[in-house]
C-alpha atoms as a PDB file:
ATOM      1  CA  MET A   1     -20.424  33.779  19.027  1.00  0.00           C
ATOM      2  CA  SER A   2     -20.892  30.095  18.788  1.00  0.00           C
ATOM      3  CA  GLN A   3     -21.816  30.907  14.865  1.00  0.00           C
ATOM      4  CA  HIS A   4     -18.321  32.509  13.956  1.00  0.00           C
ATOM      5  CA  LEU A   5     -16.569  29.312  16.256  1.00  0.00           C
ATOM      6  CA  GLN A   6     -18.701  26.502  13.975  1.00  0.00           C
ATOM      7  CA  ARG A   7     -17.838  28.820  10.712  1.00  0.00           C
ATOM      8  CA  GLY A   8     -13.955  28.736  11.601  1.00  0.00           C
ATOM      9  CA  ASN A   9     -14.382  24.905  12.362  1.00  0.00           C
ATOM     10  CA  LEU A  10     -16.602  24.128   8.537  1.00  0.00           C
ATOM     11  CA  LEU A  11     -13.328  26.962   6.861  1.00  0.00           C
ATOM     12  CA  TRP A  12     -10.748  24.174   7.565  1.00  0.00           C
ATOM     13  CA  GLU A  13     -13.519  21.054   7.158  1.00  0.00           C
ATOM     14  CA  SER A  14     -11.843  20.375   3.143  1.00  0.00           C
ATOM     15  CA  SER A  15      -8.749  20.154   4.342  1.00  0.00           C
ATOM     16  CA  ARG A  16      -9.522  16.815   6.553  1.00  0.00           C
ATOM     17  CA  MET A  17     -10.520  15.360   3.320  1.00  0.00           C
ATOM     18  CA  PHE A  18      -8.439  12.249   2.894  1.00  0.00           C
ATOM     19  CA  LEU A  19      -8.583  10.888  -1.108  1.00  0.00           C
ATOM     20  CA  PRO A  20      -8.373   6.756  -1.478  1.00  0.00           C
ATOM     21  CA  GLU A  21      -5.286   7.210  -3.741  1.00  0.00           C
ATOM     22  CA  HIS A  22      -3.506   8.987  -0.800  1.00  0.00           C
ATOM     23  CA  LYS A  23      -4.651   6.600   1.715  1.00  0.00           C
ATOM     24  CA  GLU A  24      -3.458   3.900  -0.125  1.00  0.00           C
ATOM     25  CA  ALA A  25      -0.209   5.492  -0.595  1.00  0.00           C
ATOM     26  CA  LEU A  26      -0.005   6.200   3.192  1.00  0.00           C
ATOM     27  CA  LEU A  27      -0.419   2.034   3.810  1.00  0.00           C
ATOM     28  CA  ASP A  28       2.362   1.250   0.566  1.00  0.00           C
ATOM     29  CA  ARG A  29       4.642   3.576   2.235  1.00  0.00           C
ATOM     30  CA  LYS A  30       3.964   1.870   5.958  1.00  0.00           C
ATOM     31  CA  GLN A  31       4.945  -1.491   4.366  1.00  0.00           C
ATOM     32  CA  GLN A  32       7.768  -0.183   2.597  1.00  0.00           C
ATOM     33  CA  LEU A  33       9.005   0.955   5.921  1.00  0.00           C
ATOM     34  CA  LYS A  34       8.306  -2.258   7.980  1.00  0.00           C
ATOM     35  CA  LYS A  35      10.282  -4.303   5.179  1.00  0.00           C
ATOM     36  CA  VAL A  36      13.745  -5.574   6.605  1.00  0.00           C
ATOM     37  CA  LYS A  37      17.086  -6.438   4.483  1.00  0.00           C
ATOM     38  CA  LYS A  38      17.912 -10.204   3.551  1.00  0.00           C
ATOM     39  CA  PRO A  39      19.398 -12.386   6.257  1.00  0.00           C
ATOM     40  CA  GLN A  40      22.986 -13.163   5.982  1.00  0.00           C
ATOM     41  CA  LEU A  41      23.745 -16.134   7.798  1.00  0.00           C
ATOM     42  CA  ASP A  42      27.071 -17.073   8.898  1.00  0.00           C
ATOM     43  CA  GLU A  43      28.509 -20.740   8.473  1.00  0.00           C
ATOM     44  CA  GLN A  44      28.054 -21.352  12.335  1.00  0.00           C
ATOM     45  CA  GLU A  45      24.368 -20.962  11.499  1.00  0.00           C
ATOM     46  CA  LEU A  46      24.100 -22.702   8.612  1.00  0.00           C
ATOM     47  CA  GLU A  47      25.489 -25.970  10.398  1.00  0.00           C
ATOM     48  CA  GLU A  48      22.813 -25.809  13.543  1.00  0.00           C
ATOM     49  CA  ILE A  49      20.053 -25.265  10.727  1.00  0.00           C
ATOM     50  CA  GLY A  50      21.746 -28.027   8.453  1.00  0.00           C
ATOM     51  CA  ILE A  51      21.628 -30.341  11.799  1.00  0.00           C
ATOM     52  CA  ILE A  52      17.928 -29.452  12.658  1.00  0.00           C
ATOM     53  CA  VAL A  53      16.482 -29.822   9.316  1.00  0.00           C
ATOM     54  CA  MET A  54      18.741 -33.358   8.581  1.00  0.00           C
ATOM     55  CA  ASP A  55      16.972 -34.410  12.262  1.00  0.00           C
ATOM     56  CA  SER A  56      13.506 -33.405  10.911  1.00  0.00           C
ATOM     57  CA  LEU A  57      14.213 -35.317   7.856  1.00  0.00           C
ATOM     58  CA  LYS A  58      15.295 -38.012   9.405  1.00  0.00           C
ATOM     59  CA  HIS A  59      12.425 -38.561  11.892  1.00  0.00           C
ATOM     60  CA  GLU A  60       9.941 -36.604  10.810  1.00  0.00           C
ATOM     61  CA  LEU A  61      10.012 -33.914  13.406  1.00  0.00           C
ATOM     62  CA  ASN A  62       8.045 -30.277  13.387  1.00  0.00           C
ATOM     63  CA  VAL A  63      10.296 -27.295  12.676  1.00  0.00           C
ATOM     64  CA  HIS A  64       9.487 -23.494  13.180  1.00  0.00           C
ATOM     65  CA  VAL A  65      11.342 -21.593  10.306  1.00  0.00           C
ATOM     66  CA  THR A  66      11.245 -18.699   9.564  1.00  0.00           C
ATOM     67  CA  TYR A  67      12.252 -17.039   6.669  1.00  0.00           C
ATOM     68  CA  TRP A  68      12.722 -14.298   4.371  1.00  0.00           C
ATOM     69  CA  GLU A  69      10.755 -12.887   1.282  1.00  0.00           C
ATOM     70  CA  ASP A  70       9.922  -9.612  -0.546  1.00  0.00           C
ATOM     71  CA  GLY A  71      11.745  -7.474   2.990  1.00  0.00           C
ATOM     72  CA  ILE A  72       8.884  -9.580   5.400  1.00  0.00           C
ATOM     73  CA  LEU A  73       9.721 -12.455   7.731  1.00  0.00           C
ATOM     74  CA  HIS A  74       7.481 -15.243   7.375  1.00  0.00           C
ATOM     75  CA  ASN A  75       6.893 -18.239   9.937  1.00  0.00           C
ATOM     76  CA  LEU A  76       5.761 -21.454   9.161  1.00  0.00           C
ATOM     77  CA  VAL A  77       5.435 -24.881  11.030  1.00  0.00           C
ATOM     78  CA  GLY A  78       5.897 -28.196   9.666  1.00  0.00           C
ATOM     79  CA  THR A  79       8.019 -31.071   8.727  1.00  0.00           C
ATOM     80  CA  VAL A  80      11.070 -30.915   6.066  1.00  0.00           C
ATOM     81  CA  ASP A  81       9.575 -32.878   3.499  1.00  0.00           C
ATOM     82  CA  LYS A  82      13.100 -32.156   1.083  1.00  0.00           C
ATOM     83  CA  PHE A  83      16.323 -30.973   1.772  1.00  0.00           C
ATOM     84  CA  ASP A  84      18.010 -29.702  -2.000  1.00  0.00           C
ATOM     85  CA  TRP A  85      21.938 -28.700  -1.745  1.00  0.00           C
ATOM     86  CA  SER A  86      21.589 -28.565  -5.832  1.00  0.00           C
ATOM     87  CA  SER A  87      18.425 -26.706  -6.240  1.00  0.00           C
ATOM     88  CA  LYS A  88      19.602 -24.626  -2.686  1.00  0.00           C
ATOM     89  CA  LYS A  89      15.737 -24.978  -1.485  1.00  0.00           C
ATOM     90  CA  LEU A  90      14.121 -26.697   1.524  1.00  0.00           C
ATOM     91  CA  LYS A  91      10.748 -28.205   1.016  1.00  0.00           C
ATOM     92  CA  LEU A  92       8.097 -28.092   4.218  1.00  0.00           C
ATOM     93  CA  LYS A  93       5.251 -29.887   4.375  1.00  0.00           C
ATOM     94  CA  MET A  94       2.710 -28.118   6.708  1.00  0.00           C
ATOM     95  CA  SER A  95      -0.720 -30.933   6.688  1.00  0.00           C
ATOM     96  CA  GLU A  96      -1.982 -30.505   3.033  1.00  0.00           C
ATOM     97  CA  GLU A  97       0.663 -27.853   1.853  1.00  0.00           C
ATOM     98  CA  ILE A  98       3.863 -27.893   0.639  1.00  0.00           C
ATOM     99  CA  ARG A  99       6.145 -24.816   0.322  1.00  0.00           C
ATOM    100  CA  THR A 100       9.519 -24.328  -1.374  1.00  0.00           C
ATOM    101  CA  ILE A 101      11.747 -22.121   0.777  1.00  0.00           C
ATOM    102  CA  ALA A 102      15.362 -20.926  -0.614  1.00  0.00           C
ATOM    103  CA  ILE A 103      18.006 -21.819   1.622  1.00  0.00           C
ATOM    104  CA  ASP A 104      19.718 -18.619   1.377  1.00  0.00           C
ATOM    105  CA  CYS A 105      16.305 -16.741   2.672  1.00  0.00           C
ATOM    106  CA  LEU A 106      16.178 -18.701   5.818  1.00  0.00           C
ATOM    107  CA  LYS A 107      16.422 -16.769   8.784  1.00  0.00           C
ATOM    108  CA  SER A 108      15.930 -19.264  11.367  1.00  0.00           C
ATOM    109  CA  VAL A 109      15.310 -22.929  11.904  1.00  0.00           C
ATOM    110  CA  ALA A 110      14.218 -24.471  14.770  1.00  0.00           C
ATOM    111  CA  ARG A 111      12.738 -27.356  16.960  1.00  0.00           C
ATOM    112  CA  GLN A 112       9.081 -27.526  17.778  1.00  0.00           C
END
């Protein structure tokens, strides 16, 4: 009787196999589901962000920036190195590295 149960389990053993391509496709699908839409800020939020950014630029204060890139929200902490309205970009300095972020991709900027 016990051999019959073991044989029954072996009968379905091959269906448990997971190909690497299937695993990769499943992980890609999970990443796609995590993606969020690009944030749309109203004028009041943009004004608040502008004030915080200008304070950081003038007084070299650290800020916490949340921005959108390819459907994923990223967080950075640093000081504002440059704020360019003509190119609509913000340059954030984090110790040795400088990251450029498009203004229309910003979700929030907060004082540290």
